Amino acid sequence: MAMRSTPAKILLLSEIARLKLTLNMHEESKTAITTARELVEGQLELPGHIHSAFYRSAAEFHKIVGSAAEFYRNALQFLSYTKPESLSKEEQLQW
């Protein structure tokens, strides 16, 4: 069954990328992030929580594997789309 909702695809790919990253499956995580990025860039309007999930996974990936510049760019995007109260106190300190 094909999924027709682009925001749902982005959200799922973002979470899959984060899970793959925790399993040290860096190439698979990168593939999911790349696919999600293409979907994000192809959309004119997306809900903030979709952007938040995508940029969080991209920031976490680049923190471990990528460049510092990409990490900071994605981390700032994550923070701009994320309501502080949606993060735990520990996560607020981390970000």
C-alpha atoms as a PDB file:
ATOM      1  CA  MET A   1       0.000   0.000   0.000  1.00  0.00           C
ATOM      2  CA  ALA A   2       1.571   3.277  -1.119  1.00  0.00           C
ATOM      3  CA  MET A   3       1.630   6.194   1.289  1.00  0.00           C
ATOM      4  CA  ARG A   4       0.209   9.336  -0.294  1.00  0.00           C
ATOM      5  CA  SER A   5       0.868  11.858   2.462  1.00  0.00           C
ATOM      6  CA  THR A   6       4.178  13.609   1.906  1.00  0.00           C
ATOM      7  CA  PRO A   7       4.322  15.030   5.462  1.00  0.00           C
ATOM      8  CA  ALA A   8       3.813  11.507   6.834  1.00  0.00           C
ATOM      9  CA  LYS A   9       6.598  10.165   4.600  1.00  0.00           C
ATOM     10  CA  ILE A  10       8.950  12.899   5.806  1.00  0.00           C
ATOM     11  CA  LEU A  11       8.097  12.219   9.444  1.00  0.00           C
ATOM     12  CA  LEU A  12       8.605   8.466   9.078  1.00  0.00           C
ATOM     13  CA  LEU A  13      11.855   8.834   7.131  1.00  0.00           C
ATOM     14  CA  SER A  14      13.150  11.260   9.763  1.00  0.00           C
ATOM     15  CA  GLU A  15      12.398   8.854  12.594  1.00  0.00           C
ATOM     16  CA  ILE A  16      13.833   5.912  10.657  1.00  0.00           C
ATOM     17  CA  ALA A  17      17.022   7.929  10.104  1.00  0.00           C
ATOM     18  CA  ARG A  18      17.308   8.615  13.854  1.00  0.00           C
ATOM     19  CA  LEU A  19      16.764   4.946  14.708  1.00  0.00           C
ATOM     20  CA  LYS A  20      19.313   3.801  12.115  1.00  0.00           C
ATOM     21  CA  LEU A  21      21.785   6.290  13.548  1.00  0.00           C
ATOM     22  CA  THR A  22      21.404   4.819  17.043  1.00  0.00           C
ATOM     23  CA  LEU A  23      22.203   1.414  15.522  1.00  0.00           C
ATOM     24  CA  ASN A  24      25.346   2.816  13.843  1.00  0.00           C
ATOM     25  CA  MET A  25      23.782   2.234  10.441  1.00  0.00           C
ATOM     26  CA  HIS A  26      25.176   5.477   9.066  1.00  0.00           C
ATOM     27  CA  GLU A  27      24.692   4.806   5.355  1.00  0.00           C
ATOM     28  CA  GLU A  28      21.075   3.763   5.837  1.00  0.00           C
ATOM     29  CA  SER A  29      20.481   6.829   7.994  1.00  0.00           C
ATOM     30  CA  LYS A  30      22.026   9.059   5.324  1.00  0.00           C
ATOM     31  CA  THR A  31      19.796   7.504   2.661  1.00  0.00           C
ATOM     32  CA  ALA A  32      16.656   8.184   4.719  1.00  0.00           C
ATOM     33  CA  ILE A  33      17.742  11.777   5.401  1.00  0.00           C
ATOM     34  CA  THR A  34      18.550  12.387   1.736  1.00  0.00           C
ATOM     35  CA  THR A  35      15.146  11.083   0.657  1.00  0.00           C
ATOM     36  CA  ALA A  36      13.384  13.135   3.333  1.00  0.00           C
ATOM     37  CA  ARG A  37      15.356  16.262   2.337  1.00  0.00           C
ATOM     38  CA  GLU A  38      14.211  15.888  -1.280  1.00  0.00           C
ATOM     39  CA  LEU A  39      10.613  15.690  -0.083  1.00  0.00           C
ATOM     40  CA  VAL A  40      11.012  18.700   2.239  1.00  0.00           C
ATOM     41  CA  GLU A  41      12.555  20.800  -0.512  1.00  0.00           C
ATOM     42  CA  GLY A  42       9.741  19.830  -2.891  1.00  0.00           C
ATOM     43  CA  GLN A  43       6.997  21.126  -0.592  1.00  0.00           C
ATOM     44  CA  LEU A  44       5.787  24.714  -0.385  1.00  0.00           C
ATOM     45  CA  GLU A  45       4.148  24.370   3.009  1.00  0.00           C
ATOM     46  CA  LEU A  46       4.693  21.843   5.754  1.00  0.00           C
ATOM     47  CA  PRO A  47       3.608  21.857   9.395  1.00  0.00           C
ATOM     48  CA  GLY A  48       6.298  22.974  11.823  1.00  0.00           C
ATOM     49  CA  HIS A  49       6.509  19.606  13.563  1.00  0.00           C
ATOM     50  CA  ILE A  50       7.432  17.954  10.257  1.00  0.00           C
ATOM     51  CA  HIS A  51      10.278  20.421   9.705  1.00  0.00           C
ATOM     52  CA  SER A  52      11.305  19.941  13.328  1.00  0.00           C
ATOM     53  CA  ALA A  53      11.517  16.148  13.004  1.00  0.00           C
ATOM     54  CA  PHE A  54      13.464  16.360   9.751  1.00  0.00           C
ATOM     55  CA  TYR A  55      16.008  18.931  10.931  1.00  0.00           C
ATOM     56  CA  ARG A  56      16.493  17.089  14.223  1.00  0.00           C
ATOM     57  CA  SER A  57      17.416  13.868  12.444  1.00  0.00           C
ATOM     58  CA  ALA A  58      19.672  15.739   9.993  1.00  0.00           C
ATOM     59  CA  ALA A  59      21.416  17.578  12.858  1.00  0.00           C
ATOM     60  CA  GLU A  60      21.944  14.372  14.833  1.00  0.00           C
ATOM     61  CA  PHE A  61      23.358  12.682  11.735  1.00  0.00           C
ATOM     62  CA  HIS A  62      25.784  15.505  10.988  1.00  0.00           C
ATOM     63  CA  LYS A  63      26.803  15.725  14.636  1.00  0.00           C
ATOM     64  CA  ILE A  64      28.076  12.145  14.405  1.00  0.00           C
ATOM     65  CA  VAL A  65      29.077  11.756  10.763  1.00  0.00           C
ATOM     66  CA  GLY A  66      29.040  15.062   8.920  1.00  0.00           C
ATOM     67  CA  SER A  67      30.663  18.435   9.055  1.00  0.00           C
ATOM     68  CA  ALA A  68      30.300  20.951  11.861  1.00  0.00           C
ATOM     69  CA  ALA A  69      28.797  23.492   9.450  1.00  0.00           C
ATOM     70  CA  GLU A  70      26.029  21.078   8.409  1.00  0.00           C
ATOM     71  CA  PHE A  71      25.383  20.148  12.032  1.00  0.00           C
ATOM     72  CA  TYR A  72      24.966  23.788  13.084  1.00  0.00           C
ATOM     73  CA  ARG A  73      22.826  24.666  10.045  1.00  0.00           C
ATOM     74  CA  ASN A  74      20.445  21.787  10.717  1.00  0.00           C
ATOM     75  CA  ALA A  75      20.476  22.330  14.494  1.00  0.00           C
ATOM     76  CA  LEU A  76      19.474  25.970  14.053  1.00  0.00           C
ATOM     77  CA  GLN A  77      16.701  24.949  11.681  1.00  0.00           C
ATOM     78  CA  PHE A  78      15.542  22.339  14.209  1.00  0.00           C
ATOM     79  CA  LEU A  79      15.431  24.934  16.981  1.00  0.00           C
ATOM     80  CA  SER A  80      13.587  27.448  14.813  1.00  0.00           C
ATOM     81  CA  TYR A  81      10.776  24.944  14.154  1.00  0.00           C
ATOM     82  CA  THR A  82      10.618  23.458  17.661  1.00  0.00           C
ATOM     83  CA  LYS A  83       8.619  24.801  20.568  1.00  0.00           C
ATOM     84  CA  PRO A  84      10.849  24.729  23.660  1.00  0.00           C
ATOM     85  CA  GLU A  85       8.075  23.244  25.790  1.00  0.00           C
ATOM     86  CA  SER A  86       7.919  20.237  23.447  1.00  0.00           C
ATOM     87  CA  LEU A  87      11.406  19.223  24.608  1.00  0.00           C
ATOM     88  CA  SER A  88      12.214  17.673  27.954  1.00  0.00           C
ATOM     89  CA  LYS A  89      14.438  19.658  30.311  1.00  0.00           C
ATOM     90  CA  GLU A  90      17.335  17.368  29.423  1.00  0.00           C
ATOM     91  CA  GLU A  91      16.773  17.916  25.691  1.00  0.00           C
ATOM     92  CA  GLN A  92      16.536  21.675  26.200  1.00  0.00           C
ATOM     93  CA  LEU A  93      19.980  21.615  27.834  1.00  0.00           C
ATOM     94  CA  GLN A  94      21.375  19.374  25.082  1.00  0.00           C
ATOM     95  CA  TRP A  95      20.217  21.643  22.266  1.00  0.00           C
END
